[in-house]
Amino acid sequence: MKYFFLSDGWTVGRVWESAGLWSEVAWRRKPDIKKMNVSILEQGEKLWLYRVEEAVLMVEVRPTESAELNPGAQVIGQVVLKRLITAEQVLEWLSTSSSVCTQGDD
């Protein structure tokens, strides 16, 4: 598995695999991307941990529509391509973070 952290108010856009953009027709399914019940607080921003399957190489993230419409929210109006990290890197982040939060199953 691979992982990435994503800020509140952001969502996953396009997904890349080794052959290029993820094709639901070729794979016959959507990529397996799951929001975990763990977040960290970094510089006042809540970052949620997401898990993705091995076949995924990179994900595009962008502000949600509600974040874009909220004048008080400070979001960048462009997409950001996220590099994925390993479980070991996740543990490093969690161990050095000042605040780790968990949430019950939805």
C-alpha atoms as a PDB file:
ATOM      1  CA  MET A   1       0.000   0.000   0.000  1.00  0.00           C
ATOM      2  CA  LYS A   2       0.924   3.644  -0.475  1.00  0.00           C
ATOM      3  CA  TYR A   3      -0.254   6.693   1.429  1.00  0.00           C
ATOM      4  CA  PHE A   4      -0.647  10.452   1.308  1.00  0.00           C
ATOM      5  CA  PHE A   5      -1.926  13.220   3.563  1.00  0.00           C
ATOM      6  CA  LEU A   6      -4.677  15.532   2.306  1.00  0.00           C
ATOM      7  CA  SER A   7      -5.903  18.730   3.913  1.00  0.00           C
ATOM      8  CA  ASP A   8      -9.529  19.313   4.901  1.00  0.00           C
ATOM      9  CA  GLY A   9     -11.309  21.065   2.033  1.00  0.00           C
ATOM     10  CA  TRP A  10      -9.395  19.200  -0.672  1.00  0.00           C
ATOM     11  CA  THR A  11     -10.435  16.198  -2.741  1.00  0.00           C
ATOM     12  CA  VAL A  12      -8.832  13.657  -5.071  1.00  0.00           C
ATOM     13  CA  GLY A  13      -9.047  14.376  -8.791  1.00  0.00           C
ATOM     14  CA  ARG A  14      -7.347  12.344 -11.489  1.00  0.00           C
ATOM     15  CA  VAL A  15      -5.236   9.286 -10.697  1.00  0.00           C
ATOM     16  CA  TRP A  16      -2.153   7.981 -12.505  1.00  0.00           C
ATOM     17  CA  GLU A  17      -0.861   4.429 -12.850  1.00  0.00           C
ATOM     18  CA  SER A  18       2.109   3.046 -14.797  1.00  0.00           C
ATOM     19  CA  ALA A  19       0.356   3.288 -18.194  1.00  0.00           C
ATOM     20  CA  GLY A  20      -0.814   6.880 -17.605  1.00  0.00           C
ATOM     21  CA  LEU A  21      -4.155   8.149 -16.371  1.00  0.00           C
ATOM     22  CA  TRP A  22      -6.242   5.545 -14.539  1.00  0.00           C
ATOM     23  CA  SER A  23      -8.760   4.014 -16.939  1.00  0.00           C
ATOM     24  CA  GLU A  24     -11.895   2.625 -15.290  1.00  0.00           C
ATOM     25  CA  VAL A  25     -12.659   0.869 -18.581  1.00  0.00           C
ATOM     26  CA  ALA A  26      -9.318  -0.956 -18.666  1.00  0.00           C
ATOM     27  CA  TRP A  27      -9.243  -1.723 -14.930  1.00  0.00           C
ATOM     28  CA  ARG A  28     -13.037  -2.306 -14.767  1.00  0.00           C
ATOM     29  CA  ARG A  29     -13.137  -0.390 -11.490  1.00  0.00           C
ATOM     30  CA  LYS A  30     -12.156   2.820  -9.769  1.00  0.00           C
ATOM     31  CA  PRO A  31      -8.786   2.983  -8.014  1.00  0.00           C
ATOM     32  CA  ASP A  32      -8.833   1.871  -4.385  1.00  0.00           C
ATOM     33  CA  ILE A  33      -8.386   5.106  -2.424  1.00  0.00           C
ATOM     34  CA  LYS A  34      -9.580   5.141   1.175  1.00  0.00           C
ATOM     35  CA  LYS A  35      -9.618   7.931   3.751  1.00  0.00           C
ATOM     36  CA  MET A  36      -8.257   6.531   7.004  1.00  0.00           C
ATOM     37  CA  ASN A  37      -9.483   7.473  10.491  1.00  0.00           C
ATOM     38  CA  VAL A  38      -6.221   9.220  11.346  1.00  0.00           C
ATOM     39  CA  SER A  39      -5.271  12.857  10.906  1.00  0.00           C
ATOM     40  CA  ILE A  40      -2.454  15.106  12.049  1.00  0.00           C
ATOM     41  CA  LEU A  41      -2.424  18.781  12.841  1.00  0.00           C
ATOM     42  CA  GLU A  42       0.374  20.616  11.034  1.00  0.00           C
ATOM     43  CA  GLN A  43       0.656  24.390  11.457  1.00  0.00           C
ATOM     44  CA  GLY A  44      -3.050  24.641  12.336  1.00  0.00           C
ATOM     45  CA  GLU A  45      -4.135  22.584   9.323  1.00  0.00           C
ATOM     46  CA  LYS A  46      -5.806  19.169   9.663  1.00  0.00           C
ATOM     47  CA  LEU A  47      -4.286  16.615   7.280  1.00  0.00           C
ATOM     48  CA  TRP A  48      -6.109  13.307   6.761  1.00  0.00           C
ATOM     49  CA  LEU A  49      -4.260  10.103   5.943  1.00  0.00           C
ATOM     50  CA  TYR A  50      -5.367   8.305   2.752  1.00  0.00           C
ATOM     51  CA  ARG A  51      -4.396   4.802   1.654  1.00  0.00           C
ATOM     52  CA  VAL A  52      -4.090   3.860  -2.038  1.00  0.00           C
ATOM     53  CA  GLU A  53      -3.361   0.604  -3.814  1.00  0.00           C
ATOM     54  CA  GLU A  54       0.100  -0.230  -5.154  1.00  0.00           C
ATOM     55  CA  ALA A  55      -0.872   0.328  -8.803  1.00  0.00           C
ATOM     56  CA  VAL A  56      -1.433   4.047  -8.178  1.00  0.00           C
ATOM     57  CA  LEU A  57       1.639   6.188  -8.883  1.00  0.00           C
ATOM     58  CA  MET A  58       0.312   9.710  -8.308  1.00  0.00           C
ATOM     59  CA  VAL A  59      -2.907  11.539  -7.472  1.00  0.00           C
ATOM     60  CA  GLU A  60      -4.141  14.986  -8.383  1.00  0.00           C
ATOM     61  CA  VAL A  61      -5.780  16.941  -5.571  1.00  0.00           C
ATOM     62  CA  ARG A  62      -7.847  20.112  -5.744  1.00  0.00           C
ATOM     63  CA  PRO A  63     -10.018  22.236  -3.477  1.00  0.00           C
ATOM     64  CA  THR A  64     -13.590  21.029  -3.039  1.00  0.00           C
ATOM     65  CA  GLU A  65     -16.321  23.255  -4.435  1.00  0.00           C
ATOM     66  CA  SER A  66     -17.409  24.240  -0.929  1.00  0.00           C
ATOM     67  CA  ALA A  67     -13.850  25.330  -0.085  1.00  0.00           C
ATOM     68  CA  GLU A  68     -13.623  27.375  -3.289  1.00  0.00           C
ATOM     69  CA  LEU A  69     -16.931  29.125  -2.502  1.00  0.00           C
ATOM     70  CA  ASN A  70     -15.989  29.909   1.104  1.00  0.00           C
ATOM     71  CA  PRO A  71     -14.444  33.402   1.059  1.00  0.00           C
ATOM     72  CA  GLY A  72     -12.770  32.817   4.440  1.00  0.00           C
ATOM     73  CA  ALA A  73     -10.957  29.697   3.274  1.00  0.00           C
ATOM     74  CA  GLN A  74      -7.400  30.139   2.093  1.00  0.00           C
ATOM     75  CA  VAL A  75      -7.097  27.680  -0.768  1.00  0.00           C
ATOM     76  CA  ILE A  76      -4.884  27.745  -3.796  1.00  0.00           C
ATOM     77  CA  GLY A  77      -6.936  27.805  -6.971  1.00  0.00           C
ATOM     78  CA  GLN A  78      -4.859  25.172  -8.728  1.00  0.00           C
ATOM     79  CA  VAL A  79      -4.367  21.439  -8.558  1.00  0.00           C
ATOM     80  CA  VAL A  80      -1.405  19.857  -6.850  1.00  0.00           C
ATOM     81  CA  LEU A  81       0.032  16.504  -7.834  1.00  0.00           C
ATOM     82  CA  LYS A  82       0.756  14.417  -4.743  1.00  0.00           C
ATOM     83  CA  ARG A  83       3.628  12.004  -4.507  1.00  0.00           C
ATOM     84  CA  LEU A  84       2.754   8.935  -2.545  1.00  0.00           C
ATOM     85  CA  ILE A  85       4.661   7.840   0.552  1.00  0.00           C
ATOM     86  CA  THR A  86       5.440   4.512   2.181  1.00  0.00           C
ATOM     87  CA  ALA A  87       4.125   3.178   5.490  1.00  0.00           C
ATOM     88  CA  GLU A  88       7.515   3.925   7.060  1.00  0.00           C
ATOM     89  CA  GLN A  89       7.260   7.560   5.979  1.00  0.00           C
ATOM     90  CA  VAL A  90       3.742   7.752   7.449  1.00  0.00           C
ATOM     91  CA  LEU A  91       5.071   6.493  10.783  1.00  0.00           C
ATOM     92  CA  GLU A  92       7.795   9.155  10.685  1.00  0.00           C
ATOM     93  CA  TRP A  93       5.187  11.887  10.115  1.00  0.00           C
ATOM     94  CA  LEU A  94       2.984  10.545  12.894  1.00  0.00           C
ATOM     95  CA  SER A  95       5.873  10.283  15.335  1.00  0.00           C
ATOM     96  CA  THR A  96       7.084  13.838  14.701  1.00  0.00           C
ATOM     97  CA  SER A  97       3.661  15.488  14.531  1.00  0.00           C
ATOM     98  CA  SER A  98       2.628  17.629  17.462  1.00  0.00           C
ATOM     99  CA  SER A  99      -0.957  16.340  17.330  1.00  0.00           C
ATOM    100  CA  VAL A 100      -2.390  13.056  16.051  1.00  0.00           C
ATOM    101  CA  CYS A 101      -6.168  12.572  16.000  1.00  0.00           C
ATOM    102  CA  THR A 102      -8.292   9.507  15.366  1.00  0.00           C
ATOM    103  CA  GLN A 103     -11.941   9.301  14.421  1.00  0.00           C
ATOM    104  CA  GLY A 104     -14.408   6.443  14.801  1.00  0.00           C
ATOM    105  CA  ASP A 105     -15.631   4.519  11.779  1.00  0.00           C
ATOM    106  CA  ASP A 106     -18.188   6.383   9.664  1.00  0.00           C
END
